[in-house]
Amino acid sequence: MRKIQKHQFEPVSLLTAERGMIEVTIIPAIGQPNWLVPTALIMSVDEYHERIWTYLWRGQEVSVYHLVPKDIEADKLVILEGNSDVHRLVLQTTGELMTKRVRISDVTDVTLSDEEMAGIWLSTPNLPNREQKQESYLYQAVMLDGAIHVVPDLDLIAHRLVDLDS
């Protein structure tokens, strides 16, 4: 398996000099905890109601990852920056995005129960070449304002979707 090329910057560089603050966006997901991503990675949010697998964004076909089941209508696409143009990613979801500035110390890691992990696993679209249960899109589960959120492994998702298209 090819080594995944990481971003040129580390997540800590997304922190501001103002007391360890970071701006994050909560992206709604159905059947799993909502996703938490750095707002700086969001390139665009476009209204779109059809379920699609690729999206033509600024002349480039970008792979789509669904955060809603097939039987629920999505209403938007969230275009995320990748570590290259080819590895950009679109999240298809429904509901309102929520952006907030948080102290990094207010975001705490949590360990999910087997039942919570099973729920996430069941709602995960099949990624090609997924060898083991441990290799899911989940980078880390976190607690923010009393709610569990998922910090996704965007590099893994983008690389797997690009491999699928290749």
C-alpha atoms as a PDB file:
ATOM      1  CA  MET A   1       0.000   0.000   0.000  1.00  0.00           C
ATOM      2  CA  ARG A   2       1.265   3.480  -0.851  1.00  0.00           C
ATOM      3  CA  LYS A   3       2.307   5.791   1.955  1.00  0.00           C
ATOM      4  CA  ILE A   4      -0.169   8.616   2.472  1.00  0.00           C
ATOM      5  CA  GLN A   5       1.417  12.007   1.929  1.00  0.00           C
ATOM      6  CA  LYS A   6       0.526  14.299   4.811  1.00  0.00           C
ATOM      7  CA  HIS A   7      -0.346  17.974   4.625  1.00  0.00           C
ATOM      8  CA  GLN A   8       2.537  20.415   4.463  1.00  0.00           C
ATOM      9  CA  PHE A   9       1.353  21.907   7.757  1.00  0.00           C
ATOM     10  CA  GLU A  10       0.633  20.306  11.099  1.00  0.00           C
ATOM     11  CA  PRO A  11      -2.762  20.799  12.791  1.00  0.00           C
ATOM     12  CA  VAL A  12      -1.136  22.891  15.512  1.00  0.00           C
ATOM     13  CA  SER A  13      -0.420  25.574  12.887  1.00  0.00           C
ATOM     14  CA  LEU A  14      -4.179  26.154  12.652  1.00  0.00           C
ATOM     15  CA  LEU A  15      -4.147  27.560  16.187  1.00  0.00           C
ATOM     16  CA  THR A  16      -4.186  31.310  16.544  1.00  0.00           C
ATOM     17  CA  ALA A  17      -1.801  33.249  18.731  1.00  0.00           C
ATOM     18  CA  GLU A  18      -4.822  34.321  20.784  1.00  0.00           C
ATOM     19  CA  ARG A  19      -4.644  31.937  23.748  1.00  0.00           C
ATOM     20  CA  GLY A  20      -4.664  28.621  21.878  1.00  0.00           C
ATOM     21  CA  MET A  21      -7.911  29.182  19.983  1.00  0.00           C
ATOM     22  CA  ILE A  22      -8.932  27.328  16.844  1.00  0.00           C
ATOM     23  CA  GLU A  23     -11.935  27.892  14.604  1.00  0.00           C
ATOM     24  CA  VAL A  24     -13.787  24.652  13.923  1.00  0.00           C
ATOM     25  CA  THR A  25     -16.889  23.736  11.974  1.00  0.00           C
ATOM     26  CA  ILE A  26     -19.326  21.077  13.104  1.00  0.00           C
ATOM     27  CA  ILE A  27     -20.629  19.207  10.059  1.00  0.00           C
ATOM     28  CA  PRO A  28     -23.857  17.254  10.615  1.00  0.00           C
ATOM     29  CA  ALA A  29     -23.775  13.488  10.097  1.00  0.00           C
ATOM     30  CA  ILE A  30     -26.680  11.033  10.312  1.00  0.00           C
ATOM     31  CA  GLY A  31     -26.281   7.788  12.292  1.00  0.00           C
ATOM     32  CA  GLN A  32     -22.968   8.831  13.814  1.00  0.00           C
ATOM     33  CA  PRO A  33     -21.531  11.749  15.779  1.00  0.00           C
ATOM     34  CA  ASN A  34     -21.223  15.028  13.876  1.00  0.00           C
ATOM     35  CA  TRP A  35     -17.846  15.719  12.295  1.00  0.00           C
ATOM     36  CA  LEU A  36     -15.472  18.387  13.591  1.00  0.00           C
ATOM     37  CA  VAL A  37     -13.032  19.918  11.094  1.00  0.00           C
ATOM     38  CA  PRO A  38     -10.836  23.021  11.137  1.00  0.00           C
ATOM     39  CA  THR A  39     -12.749  25.789   9.378  1.00  0.00           C
ATOM     40  CA  ALA A  40      -9.565  26.751   7.511  1.00  0.00           C
ATOM     41  CA  LEU A  41      -9.876  23.522   5.477  1.00  0.00           C
ATOM     42  CA  ILE A  42     -13.337  24.432   4.117  1.00  0.00           C
ATOM     43  CA  MET A  43     -13.000  25.908   0.643  1.00  0.00           C
ATOM     44  CA  SER A  44     -16.704  26.205  -0.173  1.00  0.00           C
ATOM     45  CA  VAL A  45     -20.186  25.128   0.909  1.00  0.00           C
ATOM     46  CA  ASP A  46     -22.556  24.618  -2.025  1.00  0.00           C
ATOM     47  CA  GLU A  47     -26.263  23.838  -2.006  1.00  0.00           C
ATOM     48  CA  TYR A  48     -26.909  20.523  -3.758  1.00  0.00           C
ATOM     49  CA  HIS A  49     -29.815  18.098  -3.356  1.00  0.00           C
ATOM     50  CA  GLU A  50     -28.940  15.077  -5.540  1.00  0.00           C
ATOM     51  CA  ARG A  51     -26.830  12.201  -4.255  1.00  0.00           C
ATOM     52  CA  ILE A  52     -23.628  12.212  -6.300  1.00  0.00           C
ATOM     53  CA  TRP A  53     -20.252  10.455  -6.307  1.00  0.00           C
ATOM     54  CA  THR A  54     -18.139  13.193  -7.884  1.00  0.00           C
ATOM     55  CA  TYR A  55     -18.678  16.946  -8.021  1.00  0.00           C
ATOM     56  CA  LEU A  56     -17.352  19.331 -10.642  1.00  0.00           C
ATOM     57  CA  TRP A  57     -15.925  22.187  -8.586  1.00  0.00           C
ATOM     58  CA  ARG A  58     -14.083  24.979 -10.398  1.00  0.00           C
ATOM     59  CA  GLY A  59     -13.321  22.714 -13.340  1.00  0.00           C
ATOM     60  CA  GLN A  60     -12.052  19.833 -11.207  1.00  0.00           C
ATOM     61  CA  GLU A  61     -13.868  16.568 -10.472  1.00  0.00           C
ATOM     62  CA  VAL A  62     -13.750  16.006  -6.717  1.00  0.00           C
ATOM     63  CA  SER A  63     -14.723  12.736  -4.995  1.00  0.00           C
ATOM     64  CA  VAL A  64     -17.735  12.838  -2.658  1.00  0.00           C
ATOM     65  CA  TYR A  65     -18.035  11.154   0.746  1.00  0.00           C
ATOM     66  CA  HIS A  66     -21.583  10.853   2.117  1.00  0.00           C
ATOM     67  CA  LEU A  67     -22.492  11.713   5.708  1.00  0.00           C
ATOM     68  CA  VAL A  68     -26.156  10.819   5.162  1.00  0.00           C
ATOM     69  CA  PRO A  69     -27.761   7.468   4.298  1.00  0.00           C
ATOM     70  CA  LYS A  70     -29.150   6.903   0.797  1.00  0.00           C
ATOM     71  CA  ASP A  71     -32.754   7.284   1.980  1.00  0.00           C
ATOM     72  CA  ILE A  72     -32.229  10.813   3.374  1.00  0.00           C
ATOM     73  CA  GLU A  73     -31.980  13.769   1.010  1.00  0.00           C
ATOM     74  CA  ALA A  74     -28.770  15.749   1.307  1.00  0.00           C
ATOM     75  CA  ASP A  75     -28.868  19.505   0.871  1.00  0.00           C
ATOM     76  CA  LYS A  76     -25.269  20.629   0.745  1.00  0.00           C
ATOM     77  CA  LEU A  77     -21.725  19.850  -0.274  1.00  0.00           C
ATOM     78  CA  VAL A  78     -18.746  20.865   1.851  1.00  0.00           C
ATOM     79  CA  ILE A  79     -15.594  21.141  -0.261  1.00  0.00           C
ATOM     80  CA  LEU A  80     -12.428  20.541   1.788  1.00  0.00           C
ATOM     81  CA  GLU A  81      -8.846  21.359   0.915  1.00  0.00           C
ATOM     82  CA  GLY A  82      -6.583  18.362   0.478  1.00  0.00           C
ATOM     83  CA  ASN A  83      -2.825  17.972   0.566  1.00  0.00           C
ATOM     84  CA  SER A  84      -2.963  18.394  -3.232  1.00  0.00           C
ATOM     85  CA  ASP A  85      -5.581  19.426  -5.802  1.00  0.00           C
ATOM     86  CA  VAL A  86      -6.200  15.758  -6.587  1.00  0.00           C
ATOM     87  CA  HIS A  87      -6.859  14.946  -2.927  1.00  0.00           C
ATOM     88  CA  ARG A  88      -9.555  17.517  -2.303  1.00  0.00           C
ATOM     89  CA  LEU A  89     -12.681  16.012  -0.810  1.00  0.00           C
ATOM     90  CA  VAL A  90     -16.393  16.820  -0.812  1.00  0.00           C
ATOM     91  CA  LEU A  91     -18.624  15.867   2.122  1.00  0.00           C
ATOM     92  CA  GLN A  92     -22.315  15.517   1.241  1.00  0.00           C
ATOM     93  CA  THR A  93     -24.572  16.253   4.203  1.00  0.00           C
ATOM     94  CA  THR A  94     -27.840  17.764   5.335  1.00  0.00           C
ATOM     95  CA  GLY A  95     -28.538  20.335   8.041  1.00  0.00           C
ATOM     96  CA  GLU A  96     -26.809  23.448   9.232  1.00  0.00           C
ATOM     97  CA  LEU A  97     -23.073  23.740   9.700  1.00  0.00           C
ATOM     98  CA  MET A  98     -21.998  25.415  12.918  1.00  0.00           C
ATOM     99  CA  THR A  99     -18.741  27.353  13.146  1.00  0.00           C
ATOM    100  CA  LYS A 100     -17.205  28.329  16.460  1.00  0.00           C
ATOM    101  CA  ARG A 101     -13.924  29.402  18.011  1.00  0.00           C
ATOM    102  CA  VAL A 102     -12.842  27.054  20.764  1.00  0.00           C
ATOM    103  CA  ARG A 103      -9.932  26.756  23.123  1.00  0.00           C
ATOM    104  CA  ILE A 104      -7.932  23.694  22.228  1.00  0.00           C
ATOM    105  CA  SER A 105      -8.164  22.685  25.909  1.00  0.00           C
ATOM    106  CA  ASP A 106     -11.996  22.625  25.621  1.00  0.00           C
ATOM    107  CA  VAL A 107     -11.766  19.790  23.085  1.00  0.00           C
ATOM    108  CA  THR A 108     -11.033  16.578  24.973  1.00  0.00           C
ATOM    109  CA  ASP A 109     -10.308  13.125  23.576  1.00  0.00           C
ATOM    110  CA  VAL A 110     -12.842  10.431  24.439  1.00  0.00           C
ATOM    111  CA  THR A 111     -12.861   6.687  24.044  1.00  0.00           C
ATOM    112  CA  LEU A 112     -15.962   5.340  22.351  1.00  0.00           C
ATOM    113  CA  SER A 113     -17.733   2.260  23.646  1.00  0.00           C
ATOM    114  CA  ASP A 114     -17.915  -0.837  21.457  1.00  0.00           C
ATOM    115  CA  GLU A 115     -21.573   0.010  20.766  1.00  0.00           C
ATOM    116  CA  GLU A 116     -20.704   3.564  19.655  1.00  0.00           C
ATOM    117  CA  MET A 117     -17.883   2.258  17.453  1.00  0.00           C
ATOM    118  CA  ALA A 118     -20.238  -0.317  15.914  1.00  0.00           C
ATOM    119  CA  GLY A 119     -22.696   2.477  15.103  1.00  0.00           C
ATOM    120  CA  ILE A 120     -19.972   4.478  13.405  1.00  0.00           C
ATOM    121  CA  TRP A 121     -18.737   1.404  11.561  1.00  0.00           C
ATOM    122  CA  LEU A 122     -22.243   0.599  10.260  1.00  0.00           C
ATOM    123  CA  SER A 123     -22.763   4.142   8.999  1.00  0.00           C
ATOM    124  CA  THR A 124     -19.370   4.285   7.272  1.00  0.00           C
ATOM    125  CA  PRO A 125     -19.543   4.046   3.497  1.00  0.00           C
ATOM    126  CA  ASN A 126     -17.261   1.308   2.229  1.00  0.00           C
ATOM    127  CA  LEU A 127     -13.853   2.673   1.480  1.00  0.00           C
ATOM    128  CA  PRO A 128     -11.877   0.644  -1.017  1.00  0.00           C
ATOM    129  CA  ASN A 129      -8.983  -1.396   0.373  1.00  0.00           C
ATOM    130  CA  ARG A 130     -10.272  -1.188   3.938  1.00  0.00           C
ATOM    131  CA  GLU A 131      -8.281  -4.073   5.410  1.00  0.00           C
ATOM    132  CA  GLN A 132      -9.207  -4.045   9.067  1.00  0.00           C
ATOM    133  CA  LYS A 133     -11.965  -2.743  11.275  1.00  0.00           C
ATOM    134  CA  GLN A 134      -9.461  -0.441  12.987  1.00  0.00           C
ATOM    135  CA  GLU A 135      -8.816   1.333   9.712  1.00  0.00           C
ATOM    136  CA  SER A 136     -11.866   3.558   9.507  1.00  0.00           C
ATOM    137  CA  TYR A 137     -12.195   7.250   8.784  1.00  0.00           C
ATOM    138  CA  LEU A 138     -12.143   7.940  12.549  1.00  0.00           C
ATOM    139  CA  TYR A 139      -9.003   9.803  13.562  1.00  0.00           C
ATOM    140  CA  GLN A 140     -10.205  10.688  17.064  1.00  0.00           C
ATOM    141  CA  ALA A 141     -13.478  10.990  18.952  1.00  0.00           C
ATOM    142  CA  VAL A 142     -13.656  14.194  20.982  1.00  0.00           C
ATOM    143  CA  MET A 143     -15.980  15.876  23.444  1.00  0.00           C
ATOM    144  CA  LEU A 144     -16.914  19.522  22.848  1.00  0.00           C
ATOM    145  CA  ASP A 145     -19.641  21.325  24.789  1.00  0.00           C
ATOM    146  CA  GLY A 146     -20.912  18.040  26.204  1.00  0.00           C
ATOM    147  CA  ALA A 147     -21.366  16.369  22.809  1.00  0.00           C
ATOM    148  CA  ILE A 148     -19.260  13.689  21.134  1.00  0.00           C
ATOM    149  CA  HIS A 149     -17.860  14.597  17.724  1.00  0.00           C
ATOM    150  CA  VAL A 150     -15.667  12.761  15.232  1.00  0.00           C
ATOM    151  CA  VAL A 151     -12.400  14.199  14.007  1.00  0.00           C
ATOM    152  CA  PRO A 152     -12.106  12.365  10.674  1.00  0.00           C
ATOM    153  CA  ASP A 153      -8.943  11.126   9.012  1.00  0.00           C
ATOM    154  CA  LEU A 154      -9.438  13.261   5.904  1.00  0.00           C
ATOM    155  CA  ASP A 155      -6.169  12.099   4.327  1.00  0.00           C
ATOM    156  CA  LEU A 156      -7.266   8.457   4.505  1.00  0.00           C
ATOM    157  CA  ILE A 157     -10.692   9.197   3.019  1.00  0.00           C
ATOM    158  CA  ALA A 158      -9.323  11.373   0.213  1.00  0.00           C
ATOM    159  CA  HIS A 159      -6.614   8.887  -0.727  1.00  0.00           C
ATOM    160  CA  ARG A 160      -9.028   5.960  -0.737  1.00  0.00           C
ATOM    161  CA  LEU A 161     -11.571   7.814  -2.876  1.00  0.00           C
ATOM    162  CA  VAL A 162      -8.861   8.904  -5.318  1.00  0.00           C
ATOM    163  CA  ASP A 163      -7.595   5.292  -5.471  1.00  0.00           C
ATOM    164  CA  LEU A 164     -11.156   4.197  -6.274  1.00  0.00           C
ATOM    165  CA  ASP A 165     -11.384   6.703  -9.141  1.00  0.00           C
ATOM    166  CA  SER A 166      -7.960   5.733 -10.529  1.00  0.00           C
END
